[in-house]
């Protein structure tokens, strides 16, 4: 697809006149747009569907006459669920941020995508990168940020260690951007376990889940996690937050294999197992000089 009038000058045959439609950049964009809209109406296989969503924001939307024509396709994809919804996020984000698309229930549906399976999805890094962008605005209501922080904290109880090393700083960044939500950490009268927690995990509406009345006791419990990296990261909760946000980008694609490799390469400190150096299997001096004679008679 040409990006300007100057790109339309390479023809195999005789060059058409300047009045010909084939040399019109606007005509190229119009045909390109109509072709893609017709293609997206076809019954696409799951593999093709995912491939289209991956390339849509880079290779298609910038060349269309009006990217808002993709609104119906992207919103329908967003409502499907699973990996399709995760991949539709980027296109919707561009329509909302650059083309002023109004989507009132966007954050409600994004909240619903936070499920245990999200941490095992192939596109986990892409999803959390975009979620971080969506929640970066300081104009988002406090109840909404609190709902996301609380839901992520609850999911952290069953998340794998690679996801937790990214997730805990992610939650800390949310609290740093929205100081009002830090009550979730400093709520001394808040719940200490799930039995007394007023937060309703099954509530699909973040405005009705009572997150602001709860606390992040889940992160406190992660201080006893079996993985030392997770326990260290959980120690961030309760301490004074730094002035600069944590960089979670390098941990978005962290895998279990990388965690194991990192632990194997660590230089372990020598741990003293006994204060006095042993001189043998048994110390005969403690038994009158001959330990054998105390229990065996060889005469």
Protein backbone atom coordinates (compact mmCIF):
# COMPACT_ATOMS: atom_id res chain seq x y z
CA UNK A 1 0.00 0.00 0.00
CA UNK A 2 1.54 3.39 -1.03
CA UNK A 3 1.87 6.01 1.69
CA UNK A 4 1.82 9.11 -0.53
CA UNK A 5 1.31 10.29 -4.13
CA UNK A 6 5.06 10.06 -4.74
CA UNK A 7 4.98 6.30 -4.19
CA UNK A 8 2.64 5.76 -7.14
CA UNK A 9 5.16 6.04 -9.99
CA UNK A 10 6.42 2.51 -10.57
CA UNK A 11 4.47 0.78 -13.37
CA UNK A 12 5.40 -2.29 -15.43
CA UNK A 13 3.87 -0.83 -18.59
CA UNK A 14 3.30 2.65 -19.88
CA UNK A 15 2.74 5.18 -17.12
CA UNK A 16 -0.91 6.35 -17.02
CA UNK A 17 -1.85 10.00 -17.21
CA UNK A 18 -1.97 12.13 -14.09
CA UNK A 19 -5.78 12.22 -14.36
CA UNK A 20 -6.11 8.45 -14.20
CA UNK A 21 -7.56 7.05 -10.96
CA UNK A 22 -4.72 4.58 -10.66
CA UNK A 23 -2.39 7.50 -9.84
CA UNK A 24 -4.71 8.90 -7.18
CA UNK A 25 -3.55 8.24 -3.63
CA UNK A 26 -7.09 8.79 -2.30
CA UNK A 27 -8.41 6.21 -4.74
CA UNK A 28 -5.83 3.69 -3.53
CA UNK A 29 -6.93 4.26 0.08
CA UNK A 30 -10.60 3.92 -0.88
CA UNK A 31 -10.04 0.62 -2.67
CA UNK A 32 -7.79 -0.63 0.14
CA UNK A 33 -10.47 0.22 2.72
CA UNK A 34 -13.30 -1.42 0.79
CA UNK A 35 -11.21 -4.54 0.14
CA UNK A 36 -10.45 -5.01 3.82
CA UNK A 37 -14.03 -4.38 4.90
CA UNK A 38 -15.24 -7.02 2.43
CA UNK A 39 -12.56 -9.44 3.59
CA UNK A 40 -13.50 -9.03 7.26
CA UNK A 41 -17.09 -9.98 6.47
CA UNK A 42 -15.96 -13.45 5.37
CA UNK A 43 -16.08 -16.44 7.76
CA UNK A 44 -12.45 -16.49 8.96
CA UNK A 45 -10.74 -19.44 10.57
CA UNK A 46 -9.42 -18.96 14.11
CA UNK A 47 -5.82 -18.81 12.92
CA UNK A 48 -6.55 -16.20 10.24
CA UNK A 49 -8.73 -14.25 12.68
CA UNK A 50 -5.87 -13.98 15.19
CA UNK A 51 -3.37 -13.07 12.48
CA UNK A 52 -5.64 -10.27 11.25
CA UNK A 53 -6.02 -8.82 14.76
CA UNK A 54 -2.26 -8.93 15.31
CA UNK A 55 -1.46 -6.94 12.15
CA UNK A 56 -4.54 -4.70 12.03
CA UNK A 57 -3.21 -1.75 14.04
CA UNK A 58 0.10 -1.54 12.13
CA UNK A 59 -0.59 -2.66 8.58
CA UNK A 60 -4.24 -1.81 7.97
CA UNK A 61 -5.61 1.02 10.12
CA UNK A 62 -3.02 3.68 9.11
CA UNK A 63 -3.90 3.21 5.42
CA UNK A 64 -7.71 3.31 5.69
CA UNK A 65 -9.79 6.32 4.76
CA UNK A 66 -11.51 6.12 8.15
CA UNK A 67 -10.27 3.57 10.72
CA UNK A 68 -13.53 4.00 12.66
CA UNK A 69 -15.09 1.73 10.02
CA UNK A 70 -13.43 -1.12 11.92
CA UNK A 71 -15.39 -0.34 15.10
CA UNK A 72 -18.03 -3.04 14.60
CA UNK A 73 -15.43 -5.69 13.77
CA UNK A 74 -13.20 -4.86 16.75
CA UNK A 75 -16.03 -4.55 19.28
CA UNK A 76 -17.49 -7.87 18.09
CA UNK A 77 -14.03 -9.44 18.45
CA UNK A 78 -13.66 -7.92 21.90
CA UNK A 79 -16.91 -9.55 22.98
CA UNK A 80 -15.88 -13.05 21.86
CA UNK A 81 -13.61 -13.66 24.83
CA UNK A 82 -10.38 -15.56 25.24
CA UNK A 83 -7.36 -14.85 23.05
CA UNK A 84 -9.51 -13.09 20.43
CA UNK A 85 -10.53 -10.45 22.98
CA UNK A 86 -6.92 -9.97 24.09
CA UNK A 87 -5.79 -9.38 20.50
CA UNK A 88 -8.63 -6.96 19.76
CA UNK A 89 -7.48 -4.66 22.57
CA UNK A 90 -4.75 -2.90 20.61
CA UNK A 91 -7.02 -1.90 17.74
CA UNK A 92 -9.68 -0.64 20.13
CA UNK A 93 -7.08 1.30 22.08
CA UNK A 94 -6.03 3.15 18.92
CA UNK A 95 -9.64 3.96 18.02
CA UNK A 96 -10.30 5.29 21.53
CA UNK A 97 -7.06 7.23 21.97
CA UNK A 98 -6.50 8.56 18.43
CA UNK A 99 -9.91 8.61 16.77
CA UNK A 100 -12.12 9.56 19.74
CA UNK A 101 -14.19 6.39 19.76
CA UNK A 102 -16.63 6.37 22.68
CA UNK A 103 -16.90 2.97 24.31
CA UNK A 104 -18.62 3.35 27.72
CA UNK A 105 -18.24 -0.29 28.83
CA UNK A 106 -14.64 -0.69 27.73
CA UNK A 107 -13.16 -0.87 31.25
CA UNK A 108 -15.96 -3.12 32.47
CA UNK A 109 -15.16 -5.66 29.75
CA UNK A 110 -11.42 -5.28 30.32
CA UNK A 111 -12.04 -6.04 33.99
CA UNK A 112 -13.88 -9.20 32.97
CA UNK A 113 -10.89 -10.41 30.94
CA UNK A 114 -8.82 -10.75 34.11
CA UNK A 115 -9.11 -14.48 34.71
CA UNK A 116 -6.65 -17.16 35.93
CA UNK A 117 -6.17 -18.31 32.34
CA UNK A 118 -4.83 -14.87 31.39
CA UNK A 119 -1.52 -15.65 33.09
CA UNK A 120 -1.06 -18.73 30.90
CA UNK A 121 -2.16 -17.14 27.60
CA UNK A 122 0.23 -16.89 24.69
CA UNK A 123 -0.38 -13.15 24.43
CA UNK A 124 0.00 -12.41 28.16
CA UNK A 125 2.78 -9.85 27.65
CA UNK A 126 0.79 -7.98 25.00
CA UNK A 127 -2.32 -7.94 27.19
CA UNK A 128 -0.65 -6.56 30.31
CA UNK A 129 1.31 -4.00 28.29
CA UNK A 130 -1.96 -2.63 26.92
CA UNK A 131 -3.73 -2.89 30.28
CA UNK A 132 -0.94 -0.81 31.78
CA UNK A 133 -1.53 1.83 29.10
CA UNK A 134 -5.29 1.84 29.71
CA UNK A 135 -4.82 2.34 33.45
CA UNK A 136 -2.06 4.96 33.16
CA UNK A 137 -4.44 7.91 33.06
CA UNK A 138 -4.83 9.79 36.35
CA UNK A 139 -8.41 10.69 35.38
CA UNK A 140 -9.72 7.15 35.93
CA UNK A 141 -12.06 6.93 38.96
CA UNK A 142 -10.49 5.59 42.15
CA UNK A 143 -13.11 2.84 42.52
CA UNK A 144 -12.14 1.49 39.08
CA UNK A 145 -8.40 1.38 39.84
CA UNK A 146 -9.14 -0.22 43.21
CA UNK A 147 -11.24 -2.89 41.50
CA UNK A 148 -8.41 -3.76 39.09
CA UNK A 149 -5.81 -3.80 41.88
CA UNK A 150 -7.98 -6.02 44.07
CA UNK A 151 -8.89 -8.45 41.28
CA UNK A 152 -5.25 -8.80 40.28
CA UNK A 153 -4.32 -9.38 43.93
CA UNK A 154 -6.90 -12.13 44.27
CA UNK A 155 -5.69 -13.77 41.05
CA UNK A 156 -2.14 -13.57 42.38
CA UNK A 157 -2.96 -16.29 44.91
CA UNK A 158 -2.97 -18.91 42.14
CA UNK A 159 -0.74 -17.26 39.53
CA UNK A 160 2.60 -18.87 38.54
CA UNK A 161 5.86 -17.28 39.81
CA UNK A 162 6.86 -15.71 36.42
CA UNK A 163 3.55 -13.84 36.33
CA UNK A 164 3.82 -12.82 39.99
CA UNK A 165 7.19 -11.14 39.53
CA UNK A 166 5.49 -8.88 36.98
CA UNK A 167 2.12 -8.63 38.71
CA UNK A 168 3.22 -7.29 42.10
CA UNK A 169 5.14 -4.26 40.70
CA UNK A 170 2.22 -3.77 38.29
CA UNK A 171 -0.17 -3.38 41.23
CA UNK A 172 2.29 -1.10 43.04
CA UNK A 173 2.38 1.18 40.00
CA UNK A 174 -1.42 1.43 40.06
CA UNK A 175 -1.31 2.52 43.70
CA UNK A 176 1.46 5.03 43.00
CA UNK A 177 -0.55 6.67 40.20
CA UNK A 178 -3.66 6.83 42.35
CA UNK A 179 -2.71 7.61 45.98
CA UNK A 180 -6.38 7.45 46.99
CA UNK A 181 -6.26 3.69 46.44
CA UNK A 182 -3.37 3.21 48.86
CA UNK A 183 -6.01 2.77 51.56
CA UNK A 184 -6.10 -0.83 50.30
CA UNK A 185 -2.61 -1.27 51.79
CA UNK A 186 -2.97 0.83 54.93
CA UNK A 187 -6.48 -0.29 55.90
CA UNK A 188 -5.76 -1.62 59.40
CA UNK A 189 -9.43 -2.53 59.88
CA UNK A 190 -9.61 -4.35 56.57
CA UNK A 191 -10.05 -8.11 56.09
CA UNK A 192 -7.19 -10.56 56.63
CA UNK A 193 -8.55 -13.49 54.63
CA UNK A 194 -11.19 -14.40 52.10
CA UNK A 195 -13.84 -15.29 54.71
CA UNK A 196 -14.14 -11.69 55.96
CA UNK A 197 -13.40 -9.96 52.66
CA UNK A 198 -16.30 -7.78 51.38
CA UNK A 199 -14.87 -7.88 47.86
CA UNK A 200 -17.10 -9.83 45.46
CA UNK A 201 -14.91 -11.60 42.91
CA UNK A 202 -17.87 -12.84 40.88
CA UNK A 203 -19.34 -9.35 40.39
CA UNK A 204 -18.75 -8.33 36.71
CA UNK A 205 -19.25 -4.61 37.38
CA UNK A 206 -16.17 -3.01 39.02
CA UNK A 207 -18.40 -0.30 40.48
CA UNK A 208 -20.31 -2.89 42.55
CA UNK A 209 -17.55 -5.25 43.70
CA UNK A 210 -16.79 -3.32 46.96
CA UNK A 211 -13.05 -3.19 46.28
CA UNK A 212 -12.58 0.11 48.15
CA UNK A 213 -13.90 -1.53 51.32
CA UNK A 214 -11.34 -4.31 51.14
CA UNK A 215 -7.55 -4.59 51.48
CA UNK A 216 -4.70 -6.26 49.60
CA UNK A 217 -4.21 -9.03 52.15
CA UNK A 218 -3.43 -11.41 49.28
CA UNK A 219 -0.14 -9.64 48.59
CA UNK A 220 0.73 -9.75 52.27
CA UNK A 221 0.33 -13.53 52.18
CA UNK A 222 2.73 -13.75 49.22
CA UNK A 223 5.57 -12.68 51.51
CA UNK A 224 5.64 -16.37 52.53
CA UNK A 225 5.70 -17.62 48.93
CA UNK A 226 7.97 -20.59 48.20
CA UNK A 227 9.76 -18.69 45.41
CA UNK A 228 12.28 -16.20 46.86
CA UNK A 229 11.81 -13.72 43.99
CA UNK A 230 8.07 -13.54 44.63
CA UNK A 231 8.54 -13.20 48.39
CA UNK A 232 11.00 -10.34 47.81
CA UNK A 233 8.63 -8.59 45.40
CA UNK A 234 5.75 -8.95 47.88
CA UNK A 235 7.92 -7.15 50.42
CA UNK A 236 7.34 -3.97 48.41
CA UNK A 237 3.85 -3.82 49.88
CA UNK A 238 3.77 -1.85 53.09
CA UNK A 239 7.00 0.02 52.40
CA UNK A 240 7.11 3.65 51.22
CA UNK A 241 6.68 3.68 47.46
CA UNK A 242 9.51 5.17 45.35
CA UNK A 243 8.97 8.36 43.35
CA UNK A 244 9.55 6.57 40.05
CA UNK A 245 7.33 3.72 38.87
CA UNK A 246 8.67 0.18 38.66
CA UNK A 247 9.70 -0.99 35.20
CA UNK A 248 7.52 -4.01 34.45
CA UNK A 249 8.31 -4.13 30.73
CA UNK A 250 11.31 -6.43 31.19
CA UNK A 251 9.23 -8.89 33.20
CA UNK A 252 6.21 -9.10 30.90
CA UNK A 253 7.64 -12.05 28.96
CA UNK A 254 9.37 -13.77 31.88
CA UNK A 255 9.05 -17.57 31.69
CA UNK A 256 9.48 -20.42 34.16
CA UNK A 257 12.55 -21.61 32.26
CA UNK A 258 14.19 -18.21 32.67
CA UNK A 259 13.41 -18.19 36.39
CA UNK A 260 14.98 -21.63 36.85
CA UNK A 261 18.06 -20.62 34.83
CA UNK A 262 18.42 -17.50 36.93
CA UNK A 263 18.28 -19.49 40.17
CA UNK A 264 20.75 -22.11 38.91
CA UNK A 265 23.29 -19.45 37.98
CA UNK A 266 23.13 -17.79 41.39
CA UNK A 267 26.20 -18.17 43.55
CA UNK A 268 25.02 -19.85 46.72
CA UNK A 269 26.60 -18.86 50.00
CA UNK A 270 28.30 -21.60 52.02
CA UNK A 271 26.15 -22.41 55.03
CA UNK A 272 27.80 -23.75 58.18
CA UNK A 273 26.06 -26.94 59.25
CA UNK A 274 28.09 -27.53 62.47
CA UNK A 275 30.07 -25.21 64.69
CA UNK A 276 32.83 -27.73 65.55
CA UNK A 277 34.55 -29.54 62.72
CA UNK A 278 33.86 -33.30 63.09
CA UNK A 279 36.86 -35.63 63.46
CA UNK A 280 35.07 -38.80 62.46
CA UNK A 281 31.72 -40.55 62.35
CA UNK A 282 31.77 -40.86 66.17
CA UNK A 283 33.81 -38.85 68.68
CA UNK A 284 35.43 -41.52 70.86
CA UNK A 285 36.59 -38.99 73.45
CA UNK A 286 32.99 -38.52 74.58
CA UNK A 287 32.68 -42.23 75.41
CA UNK A 288 35.81 -42.94 77.40
CA UNK A 289 38.11 -43.25 74.44
CA UNK A 290 36.55 -46.35 72.87
CA UNK A 291 33.04 -46.04 71.49
CA UNK A 292 32.99 -49.64 70.20
CA UNK A 293 33.43 -51.24 73.64
CA UNK A 294 30.32 -49.49 74.96
CA UNK A 295 28.05 -51.56 72.73
CA UNK A 296 29.97 -54.55 71.41
CA UNK A 297 31.93 -57.24 73.23
CA UNK A 298 34.51 -58.78 70.91
CA UNK A 299 36.21 -61.00 73.50
